[in-house]
Amino acid sequence: MQSLQPSIERTTCLIGLDPEESTPLRADITGGVIVHPMLPAIQVRDGHLYVQRPNAMSFVRVDQVIYHGIFEDDHDLIAALALWGGPCLPNAHGMMDCRLKLPCLVRALAVSRYGSPRGYTTAGTRYPGGVQRVAKWGNWHCGENKARFDEPYTADANAIIEPYFEGNAVRVVLVGDEAWQIALEGQTWLKSIHADNAAITEIDTELLEDTRVIGRALGLDIVANDYIITHAGERRLLEVNHIPNVTRFEPIREAYLAYAAQWANRNKAMHP
């Protein structure tokens, strides 16, 4: 029989972070901290959140959660954090609404200045060709599950269909009040933050404002939007990253660690 034990002190749970980030966070957060690099077993009971202890069968009551990761089967856990309703970074309701790409995109397009019409196709159906388009399916990022086509296209999975734009791909990253713009690069039409020549660049103030509007609408103060700036200078929103990479560039990593520690310690001060 698994036991549920109340915590002696206010406890923060870190979920999804690698040791390079969880170790300094653990040192900077006051009070108890438990770390789960993968998804832990959790229970919501009588309005409280209990998380299984690392390497144990027992559970410990947790007062706040810092979550940073994307896992194949994490949607129910995120929804359970929203059901619990306690302090969570990022906001659990925002993560729940954004974890699936299509509903996240629909919400973002409703408030973005730089949306463009999207299409959709059910798996196994034939989508007309004639112009350059991109099909995106699944709920992963990092350039996966995308296909560019101009001939009639039959998708293997339900897919979002969007226009293909020639131009420069950029990402605007928000961590609280701080912001950066990254030039996404790559050897093909697929651009990524992980390319060796991806770099922090001067920020486009209009894209920054659009990203802030979307972040507020989604309830996320940590978010990253990918845009295309076409050769004609038009801006187009591509997608929203609700769990953006914060380790590729050291200034963003340092800002994220400082923000997360301040968030955790501020909550402890507000709820002793």
C-alpha atoms as a PDB file:
ATOM      1  CA  MET A   1       0.000   0.000   0.000  1.00  0.00           C
ATOM      2  CA  GLN A   2       1.552   3.307  -1.072  1.00  0.00           C
ATOM      3  CA  SER A   3       1.603   5.872   1.704  1.00  0.00           C
ATOM      4  CA  LEU A   4       0.742   9.537   1.405  1.00  0.00           C
ATOM      5  CA  GLN A   5       2.840  11.629   3.775  1.00  0.00           C
ATOM      6  CA  PRO A   6       2.529  15.387   4.269  1.00  0.00           C
ATOM      7  CA  SER A   7       5.721  17.358   3.779  1.00  0.00           C
ATOM      8  CA  ILE A   8       7.380  18.939   6.820  1.00  0.00           C
ATOM      9  CA  GLU A   9       8.419  22.054   4.882  1.00  0.00           C
ATOM     10  CA  ARG A  10       7.163  23.685   1.708  1.00  0.00           C
ATOM     11  CA  THR A  11       8.452  21.583  -1.155  1.00  0.00           C
ATOM     12  CA  THR A  12       9.147  22.400  -4.789  1.00  0.00           C
ATOM     13  CA  CYS A  13       9.094  19.674  -7.437  1.00  0.00           C
ATOM     14  CA  LEU A  14      11.235  20.054 -10.573  1.00  0.00           C
ATOM     15  CA  ILE A  15       9.947  17.984 -13.487  1.00  0.00           C
ATOM     16  CA  GLY A  16      11.646  17.426 -16.831  1.00  0.00           C
ATOM     17  CA  LEU A  17      14.847  19.376 -16.240  1.00  0.00           C
ATOM     18  CA  ASP A  18      18.257  17.865 -16.940  1.00  0.00           C
ATOM     19  CA  PRO A  19      20.852  17.853 -14.121  1.00  0.00           C
ATOM     20  CA  GLU A  20      22.680  20.814 -15.684  1.00  0.00           C
ATOM     21  CA  GLU A  21      19.624  22.935 -14.901  1.00  0.00           C
ATOM     22  CA  SER A  22      18.039  21.155 -11.928  1.00  0.00           C
ATOM     23  CA  THR A  23      21.271  21.208  -9.890  1.00  0.00           C
ATOM     24  CA  PRO A  24      21.704  25.022  -9.819  1.00  0.00           C
ATOM     25  CA  LEU A  25      17.955  25.480  -9.346  1.00  0.00           C
ATOM     26  CA  ARG A  26      17.988  23.101  -6.412  1.00  0.00           C
ATOM     27  CA  ALA A  27      20.752  25.150  -4.808  1.00  0.00           C
ATOM     28  CA  ASP A  28      18.967  28.481  -5.354  1.00  0.00           C
ATOM     29  CA  ILE A  29      15.479  27.481  -4.182  1.00  0.00           C
ATOM     30  CA  THR A  30      14.845  27.687  -0.452  1.00  0.00           C
ATOM     31  CA  GLY A  31      13.081  24.827   1.290  1.00  0.00           C
ATOM     32  CA  GLY A  32      12.697  21.256   0.144  1.00  0.00           C
ATOM     33  CA  VAL A  33      13.227  20.349  -3.521  1.00  0.00           C
ATOM     34  CA  ILE A  34      12.621  17.022  -5.226  1.00  0.00           C
ATOM     35  CA  VAL A  35      13.774  16.384  -8.787  1.00  0.00           C
ATOM     36  CA  HIS A  36      12.219  14.199 -11.462  1.00  0.00           C
ATOM     37  CA  PRO A  37      13.957  14.398 -14.864  1.00  0.00           C
ATOM     38  CA  MET A  38      11.136  12.238 -16.252  1.00  0.00           C
ATOM     39  CA  LEU A  39       7.401  12.191 -15.528  1.00  0.00           C
ATOM     40  CA  PRO A  40       6.681  11.122 -11.941  1.00  0.00           C
ATOM     41  CA  ALA A  41       3.633   9.365 -10.573  1.00  0.00           C
ATOM     42  CA  ILE A  42       1.350  11.930  -8.967  1.00  0.00           C
ATOM     43  CA  GLN A  43      -1.890  12.071  -7.015  1.00  0.00           C
ATOM     44  CA  VAL A  44      -4.281  14.955  -6.429  1.00  0.00           C
ATOM     45  CA  ARG A  45      -6.001  14.328  -3.119  1.00  0.00           C
ATOM     46  CA  ASP A  46      -8.201  16.621  -1.025  1.00  0.00           C
ATOM     47  CA  GLY A  47      -6.939  19.652  -2.940  1.00  0.00           C
ATOM     48  CA  HIS A  48      -3.274  18.799  -2.457  1.00  0.00           C
ATOM     49  CA  LEU A  49      -0.641  17.494  -4.859  1.00  0.00           C
ATOM     50  CA  TYR A  50       1.406  14.448  -3.948  1.00  0.00           C
ATOM     51  CA  VAL A  51       4.407  13.317  -6.021  1.00  0.00           C
ATOM     52  CA  GLN A  52       6.164   9.988  -5.758  1.00  0.00           C
ATOM     53  CA  ARG A  53       9.580  10.308  -4.160  1.00  0.00           C
ATOM     54  CA  PRO A  54      12.534   9.565  -6.435  1.00  0.00           C
ATOM     55  CA  ASN A  55      13.579   5.925  -6.081  1.00  0.00           C
ATOM     56  CA  ALA A  56      10.795   5.180  -3.592  1.00  0.00           C
ATOM     57  CA  MET A  57       7.182   4.018  -3.509  1.00  0.00           C
ATOM     58  CA  SER A  58       5.978   6.646  -1.053  1.00  0.00           C
ATOM     59  CA  PHE A  59       4.549  10.033  -1.960  1.00  0.00           C
ATOM     60  CA  VAL A  60       5.421  13.484  -0.650  1.00  0.00           C
ATOM     61  CA  ARG A  61       3.152  16.506  -0.610  1.00  0.00           C
ATOM     62  CA  VAL A  62       4.381  19.179  -3.030  1.00  0.00           C
ATOM     63  CA  ASP A  63       3.493  22.857  -2.781  1.00  0.00           C
ATOM     64  CA  GLN A  64       4.676  24.089  -6.186  1.00  0.00           C
ATOM     65  CA  VAL A  65       5.957  22.698  -9.472  1.00  0.00           C
ATOM     66  CA  ILE A  66       8.488  23.867 -12.042  1.00  0.00           C
ATOM     67  CA  TYR A  67       7.897  21.931 -15.256  1.00  0.00           C
ATOM     68  CA  HIS A  68      10.131  22.037 -18.318  1.00  0.00           C
ATOM     69  CA  GLY A  69       9.935  19.226 -20.822  1.00  0.00           C
ATOM     70  CA  ILE A  70       7.909  17.626 -23.586  1.00  0.00           C
ATOM     71  CA  PHE A  71       7.091  13.941 -23.235  1.00  0.00           C
ATOM     72  CA  GLU A  72       4.968  11.739 -25.461  1.00  0.00           C
ATOM     73  CA  ASP A  73       2.392  11.001 -22.760  1.00  0.00           C
ATOM     74  CA  ASP A  74       2.495  14.148 -20.614  1.00  0.00           C
ATOM     75  CA  HIS A  75      -0.874  15.722 -21.483  1.00  0.00           C
ATOM     76  CA  ASP A  76      -2.774  13.977 -18.673  1.00  0.00           C
ATOM     77  CA  LEU A  77      -0.139  14.925 -16.099  1.00  0.00           C
ATOM     78  CA  ILE A  78      -0.261  18.566 -17.187  1.00  0.00           C
ATOM     79  CA  ALA A  79      -4.060  18.486 -17.026  1.00  0.00           C
ATOM     80  CA  ALA A  80      -3.831  16.984 -13.537  1.00  0.00           C
ATOM     81  CA  LEU A  81      -1.579  19.873 -12.475  1.00  0.00           C
ATOM     82  CA  ALA A  82      -4.232  22.252 -13.794  1.00  0.00           C
ATOM     83  CA  LEU A  83      -6.891  20.284 -11.912  1.00  0.00           C
ATOM     84  CA  TRP A  84      -4.855  20.655  -8.722  1.00  0.00           C
ATOM     85  CA  GLY A  85      -4.642  24.402  -9.309  1.00  0.00           C
ATOM     86  CA  GLY A  86      -1.530  25.101  -7.238  1.00  0.00           C
ATOM     87  CA  PRO A  87       1.491  27.204  -8.241  1.00  0.00           C
ATOM     88  CA  CYS A  88       3.058  25.876 -11.425  1.00  0.00           C
ATOM     89  CA  LEU A  89       5.668  27.344 -13.766  1.00  0.00           C
ATOM     90  CA  PRO A  90       4.657  27.620 -16.568  1.00  0.00           C
ATOM     91  CA  ASN A  91       0.972  28.038 -15.778  1.00  0.00           C
ATOM     92  CA  ALA A  92      -0.562  24.574 -15.949  1.00  0.00           C
ATOM     93  CA  HIS A  93      -3.747  25.750 -17.696  1.00  0.00           C
ATOM     94  CA  GLY A  94      -1.625  27.438 -20.361  1.00  0.00           C
ATOM     95  CA  MET A  95       0.467  24.304 -20.865  1.00  0.00           C
ATOM     96  CA  MET A  96      -2.666  22.162 -21.027  1.00  0.00           C
ATOM     97  CA  ASP A  97      -4.158  24.425 -23.707  1.00  0.00           C
ATOM     98  CA  CYS A  98      -0.909  24.480 -25.714  1.00  0.00           C
ATOM     99  CA  ARG A  99       0.400  20.931 -25.459  1.00  0.00           C
ATOM    100  CA  LEU A 100      -1.508  19.839 -28.564  1.00  0.00           C
ATOM    101  CA  LYS A 101      -0.349  21.762 -31.634  1.00  0.00           C
ATOM    102  CA  LEU A 102      -3.633  22.329 -33.432  1.00  0.00           C
ATOM    103  CA  PRO A 103      -5.651  23.876 -30.575  1.00  0.00           C
ATOM    104  CA  CYS A 104      -2.586  25.909 -29.547  1.00  0.00           C
ATOM    105  CA  LEU A 105      -2.231  27.270 -33.081  1.00  0.00           C
ATOM    106  CA  VAL A 106      -5.934  28.109 -33.301  1.00  0.00           C
ATOM    107  CA  ARG A 107      -5.746  30.100 -30.050  1.00  0.00           C
ATOM    108  CA  ALA A 108      -2.600  31.924 -31.152  1.00  0.00           C
ATOM    109  CA  LEU A 109      -3.962  32.801 -34.600  1.00  0.00           C
ATOM    110  CA  ALA A 110      -7.018  34.354 -32.962  1.00  0.00           C
ATOM    111  CA  VAL A 111      -4.877  37.099 -31.387  1.00  0.00           C
ATOM    112  CA  SER A 112      -1.770  37.339 -33.591  1.00  0.00           C
ATOM    113  CA  ARG A 113      -1.329  40.233 -36.025  1.00  0.00           C
ATOM    114  CA  TYR A 114       0.634  37.923 -38.283  1.00  0.00           C
ATOM    115  CA  GLY A 115      -1.568  34.912 -38.760  1.00  0.00           C
ATOM    116  CA  SER A 116      -2.208  33.394 -42.182  1.00  0.00           C
ATOM    117  CA  PRO A 117      -4.975  30.994 -43.247  1.00  0.00           C
ATOM    118  CA  ARG A 118      -4.399  27.371 -42.318  1.00  0.00           C
ATOM    119  CA  GLY A 119      -5.881  24.190 -43.695  1.00  0.00           C
ATOM    120  CA  TYR A 120      -6.366  20.706 -42.337  1.00  0.00           C
ATOM    121  CA  THR A 121      -6.514  17.215 -43.763  1.00  0.00           C
ATOM    122  CA  THR A 122      -7.706  13.932 -42.288  1.00  0.00           C
ATOM    123  CA  ALA A 123      -5.235  11.054 -42.533  1.00  0.00           C
ATOM    124  CA  GLY A 124      -5.556   9.110 -45.771  1.00  0.00           C
ATOM    125  CA  THR A 125      -7.307  11.855 -47.734  1.00  0.00           C
ATOM    126  CA  ARG A 126      -5.840  13.546 -50.808  1.00  0.00           C
ATOM    127  CA  TYR A 127      -5.068  17.282 -50.460  1.00  0.00           C
ATOM    128  CA  PRO A 128      -4.901  19.277 -53.724  1.00  0.00           C
ATOM    129  CA  GLY A 129      -1.578  20.514 -55.079  1.00  0.00           C
ATOM    130  CA  GLY A 130      -0.820  23.452 -57.321  1.00  0.00           C
ATOM    131  CA  VAL A 131       0.958  25.720 -54.802  1.00  0.00           C
ATOM    132  CA  GLN A 132       3.739  25.256 -52.291  1.00  0.00           C
ATOM    133  CA  ARG A 133       2.360  24.135 -48.914  1.00  0.00           C
ATOM    134  CA  VAL A 134       3.620  22.509 -45.715  1.00  0.00           C
ATOM    135  CA  ALA A 135       1.927  19.685 -43.824  1.00  0.00           C
ATOM    136  CA  LYS A 136       2.571  19.375 -40.078  1.00  0.00           C
ATOM    137  CA  TRP A 137       1.370  16.514 -37.942  1.00  0.00           C
ATOM    138  CA  GLY A 138       1.771  15.170 -34.426  1.00  0.00           C
ATOM    139  CA  ASN A 139       2.742  17.185 -31.367  1.00  0.00           C
ATOM    140  CA  TRP A 140       6.532  17.233 -31.544  1.00  0.00           C
ATOM    141  CA  HIS A 141       8.734  20.187 -32.436  1.00  0.00           C
ATOM    142  CA  CYS A 142      12.400  20.466 -33.541  1.00  0.00           C
ATOM    143  CA  GLY A 143      11.533  20.280 -37.242  1.00  0.00           C
ATOM    144  CA  GLU A 144      10.036  16.800 -37.065  1.00  0.00           C
ATOM    145  CA  ASN A 145       6.805  15.626 -38.704  1.00  0.00           C
ATOM    146  CA  LYS A 146       6.749  18.193 -41.506  1.00  0.00           C
ATOM    147  CA  ALA A 147       6.501  17.787 -45.277  1.00  0.00           C
ATOM    148  CA  ARG A 148       6.670  20.362 -48.064  1.00  0.00           C
ATOM    149  CA  PHE A 149       4.601  19.665 -51.170  1.00  0.00           C
ATOM    150  CA  ASP A 150       3.170  21.208 -54.330  1.00  0.00           C
ATOM    151  CA  GLU A 151       1.689  18.060 -55.872  1.00  0.00           C
ATOM    152  CA  PRO A 152      -1.486  16.413 -54.526  1.00  0.00           C
ATOM    153  CA  TYR A 153      -0.577  15.116 -51.077  1.00  0.00           C
ATOM    154  CA  THR A 154      -1.943  12.207 -49.059  1.00  0.00           C
ATOM    155  CA  ALA A 155      -1.108  12.508 -45.396  1.00  0.00           C
ATOM    156  CA  ASP A 156      -0.345   9.488 -43.233  1.00  0.00           C
ATOM    157  CA  ALA A 157      -1.729  11.304 -40.177  1.00  0.00           C
ATOM    158  CA  ASN A 158      -4.156  14.119 -39.465  1.00  0.00           C
ATOM    159  CA  ALA A 159      -2.238  17.247 -40.447  1.00  0.00           C
ATOM    160  CA  ILE A 160      -2.295  21.028 -40.357  1.00  0.00           C
ATOM    161  CA  ILE A 161      -1.725  22.536 -43.794  1.00  0.00           C
ATOM    162  CA  GLU A 162      -0.129  25.966 -44.106  1.00  0.00           C
ATOM    163  CA  PRO A 163       1.298  28.089 -46.921  1.00  0.00           C
ATOM    164  CA  TYR A 164       5.012  27.799 -47.607  1.00  0.00           C
ATOM    165  CA  PHE A 165       6.808  31.129 -47.227  1.00  0.00           C
ATOM    166  CA  GLU A 166      10.292  31.908 -48.506  1.00  0.00           C
ATOM    167  CA  GLY A 167      12.220  34.101 -46.090  1.00  0.00           C
ATOM    168  CA  ASN A 168      14.137  34.222 -42.833  1.00  0.00           C
ATOM    169  CA  ALA A 169      12.959  32.094 -39.927  1.00  0.00           C
ATOM    170  CA  VAL A 170      13.251  33.638 -36.474  1.00  0.00           C
ATOM    171  CA  ARG A 171      12.205  32.760 -32.946  1.00  0.00           C
ATOM    172  CA  VAL A 172      11.179  35.292 -30.315  1.00  0.00           C
ATOM    173  CA  VAL A 173      11.729  33.941 -26.797  1.00  0.00           C
ATOM    174  CA  LEU A 174      10.124  35.381 -23.664  1.00  0.00           C
ATOM    175  CA  VAL A 175      11.232  34.617 -20.126  1.00  0.00           C
ATOM    176  CA  GLY A 176       9.188  36.912 -17.935  1.00  0.00           C
ATOM    177  CA  ASP A 177      10.036  40.479 -18.950  1.00  0.00           C
ATOM    178  CA  GLU A 178      13.199  39.519 -20.828  1.00  0.00           C
ATOM    179  CA  ALA A 179      13.187  38.711 -24.533  1.00  0.00           C
ATOM    180  CA  TRP A 180      15.526  37.567 -27.316  1.00  0.00           C
ATOM    181  CA  GLN A 181      15.254  36.965 -31.041  1.00  0.00           C
ATOM    182  CA  ILE A 182      17.081  34.030 -32.592  1.00  0.00           C
ATOM    183  CA  ALA A 183      17.858  33.563 -36.276  1.00  0.00           C
ATOM    184  CA  LEU A 184      16.939  29.949 -37.029  1.00  0.00           C
ATOM    185  CA  GLU A 185      19.211  28.191 -39.494  1.00  0.00           C
ATOM    186  CA  GLY A 186      19.676  24.892 -41.298  1.00  0.00           C
ATOM    187  CA  GLN A 187      20.870  23.255 -44.512  1.00  0.00           C
ATOM    188  CA  THR A 188      17.360  22.738 -45.926  1.00  0.00           C
ATOM    189  CA  TRP A 189      14.031  24.597 -45.819  1.00  0.00           C
ATOM    190  CA  LEU A 190      13.658  23.228 -42.272  1.00  0.00           C
ATOM    191  CA  LYS A 191      15.211  25.724 -39.864  1.00  0.00           C
ATOM    192  CA  SER A 192      16.104  25.079 -36.238  1.00  0.00           C
ATOM    193  CA  ILE A 193      17.504  26.638 -33.096  1.00  0.00           C
ATOM    194  CA  HIS A 194      19.977  23.734 -32.960  1.00  0.00           C
ATOM    195  CA  ALA A 195      21.896  24.604 -36.131  1.00  0.00           C
ATOM    196  CA  ASP A 196      25.511  25.572 -35.462  1.00  0.00           C
ATOM    197  CA  ASN A 197      25.021  29.002 -37.032  1.00  0.00           C
ATOM    198  CA  ALA A 198      21.747  29.839 -35.276  1.00  0.00           C
ATOM    199  CA  ALA A 199      22.375  33.052 -33.326  1.00  0.00           C
ATOM    200  CA  ILE A 200      20.794  35.709 -31.149  1.00  0.00           C
ATOM    201  CA  THR A 201      20.040  38.777 -33.283  1.00  0.00           C
ATOM    202  CA  GLU A 202      18.518  42.222 -32.915  1.00  0.00           C
ATOM    203  CA  ILE A 203      14.882  41.898 -31.885  1.00  0.00           C
ATOM    204  CA  ASP A 204      12.015  42.957 -34.132  1.00  0.00           C
ATOM    205  CA  THR A 205       9.847  45.095 -31.840  1.00  0.00           C
ATOM    206  CA  GLU A 206       6.644  44.239 -33.700  1.00  0.00           C
ATOM    207  CA  LEU A 207       7.294  40.511 -33.391  1.00  0.00           C
ATOM    208  CA  LEU A 208       8.147  41.030 -29.731  1.00  0.00           C
ATOM    209  CA  GLU A 209       4.813  42.751 -29.116  1.00  0.00           C
ATOM    210  CA  ASP A 210       2.963  40.011 -31.008  1.00  0.00           C
ATOM    211  CA  THR A 211       4.701  37.367 -28.901  1.00  0.00           C
ATOM    212  CA  ARG A 212       3.757  39.194 -25.697  1.00  0.00           C
ATOM    213  CA  VAL A 213       0.118  39.408 -26.839  1.00  0.00           C
ATOM    214  CA  ILE A 214       0.060  35.679 -27.574  1.00  0.00           C
ATOM    215  CA  GLY A 215       1.802  34.837 -24.297  1.00  0.00           C
ATOM    216  CA  ARG A 216      -0.765  36.824 -22.319  1.00  0.00           C
ATOM    217  CA  ALA A 217      -3.651  35.237 -24.225  1.00  0.00           C
ATOM    218  CA  LEU A 218      -2.296  31.753 -23.499  1.00  0.00           C
ATOM    219  CA  GLY A 219      -1.422  32.532 -19.889  1.00  0.00           C
ATOM    220  CA  LEU A 220       2.294  31.835 -20.411  1.00  0.00           C
ATOM    221  CA  ASP A 221       5.152  34.077 -19.288  1.00  0.00           C
ATOM    222  CA  ILE A 222       7.707  31.668 -20.771  1.00  0.00           C
ATOM    223  CA  VAL A 223       7.005  31.094 -24.461  1.00  0.00           C
ATOM    224  CA  ALA A 224       8.687  31.210 -27.871  1.00  0.00           C
ATOM    225  CA  ASN A 225       7.063  31.997 -31.207  1.00  0.00           C
ATOM    226  CA  ASP A 226       8.486  31.027 -34.569  1.00  0.00           C
ATOM    227  CA  TYR A 227       7.945  33.475 -37.427  1.00  0.00           C
ATOM    228  CA  ILE A 228       8.942  33.845 -41.055  1.00  0.00           C
ATOM    229  CA  ILE A 229       9.970  37.268 -42.300  1.00  0.00           C
ATOM    230  CA  THR A 230       9.440  36.962 -46.054  1.00  0.00           C
ATOM    231  CA  HIS A 231      11.777  38.457 -48.622  1.00  0.00           C
ATOM    232  CA  ALA A 232       9.121  41.153 -49.116  1.00  0.00           C
ATOM    233  CA  GLY A 233       9.298  42.005 -45.408  1.00  0.00           C
ATOM    234  CA  GLU A 234       5.968  40.432 -44.424  1.00  0.00           C
ATOM    235  CA  ARG A 235       5.785  38.711 -41.057  1.00  0.00           C
ATOM    236  CA  ARG A 236       4.004  35.377 -40.645  1.00  0.00           C
ATOM    237  CA  LEU A 237       3.440  33.385 -37.448  1.00  0.00           C
ATOM    238  CA  LEU A 238       4.417  29.732 -37.860  1.00  0.00           C
ATOM    239  CA  GLU A 239       3.960  28.154 -34.435  1.00  0.00           C
ATOM    240  CA  VAL A 240       4.080  28.580 -30.682  1.00  0.00           C
ATOM    241  CA  ASN A 241       6.520  26.712 -28.427  1.00  0.00           C
ATOM    242  CA  HIS A 242       4.991  26.476 -24.942  1.00  0.00           C
ATOM    243  CA  ILE A 243       8.125  24.741 -23.591  1.00  0.00           C
ATOM    244  CA  PRO A 244      10.878  26.529 -25.519  1.00  0.00           C
ATOM    245  CA  ASN A 245      14.495  25.434 -25.508  1.00  0.00           C
ATOM    246  CA  VAL A 246      16.303  27.437 -22.822  1.00  0.00           C
ATOM    247  CA  THR A 247      19.701  25.719 -22.960  1.00  0.00           C
ATOM    248  CA  ARG A 248      20.972  26.434 -26.483  1.00  0.00           C
ATOM    249  CA  PHE A 249      22.121  29.972 -25.620  1.00  0.00           C
ATOM    250  CA  GLU A 250      23.734  30.769 -22.290  1.00  0.00           C
ATOM    251  CA  PRO A 251      22.076  34.202 -21.776  1.00  0.00           C
ATOM    252  CA  ILE A 252      18.647  32.567 -22.093  1.00  0.00           C
ATOM    253  CA  ARG A 253      19.663  29.690 -19.842  1.00  0.00           C
ATOM    254  CA  GLU A 254      20.900  32.053 -17.129  1.00  0.00           C
ATOM    255  CA  ALA A 255      17.761  34.179 -17.370  1.00  0.00           C
ATOM    256  CA  TYR A 256      15.519  31.115 -17.143  1.00  0.00           C
ATOM    257  CA  LEU A 257      17.303  29.733 -14.075  1.00  0.00           C
ATOM    258  CA  ALA A 258      17.155  33.110 -12.333  1.00  0.00           C
ATOM    259  CA  TYR A 259      13.488  33.586 -13.217  1.00  0.00           C
ATOM    260  CA  ALA A 260      12.480  30.085 -12.069  1.00  0.00           C
ATOM    261  CA  ALA A 261      14.345  30.434  -8.745  1.00  0.00           C
ATOM    262  CA  GLN A 262      12.853  33.874  -8.099  1.00  0.00           C
ATOM    263  CA  TRP A 263       9.380  32.562  -8.939  1.00  0.00           C
ATOM    264  CA  ALA A 264       9.758  29.645  -6.535  1.00  0.00           C
ATOM    265  CA  ASN A 265      11.130  31.732  -3.681  1.00  0.00           C
ATOM    266  CA  ARG A 266       8.552  34.476  -4.182  1.00  0.00           C
ATOM    267  CA  ASN A 267       5.742  31.928  -3.918  1.00  0.00           C
ATOM    268  CA  LYS A 268       7.236  30.588  -0.705  1.00  0.00           C
ATOM    269  CA  ALA A 269       7.346  34.100   0.744  1.00  0.00           C
ATOM    270  CA  MET A 270       3.722  34.724  -0.239  1.00  0.00           C
ATOM    271  CA  HIS A 271       2.540  31.378   1.151  1.00  0.00           C
ATOM    272  CA  PRO A 272       4.648  30.606   4.235  1.00  0.00           C
END
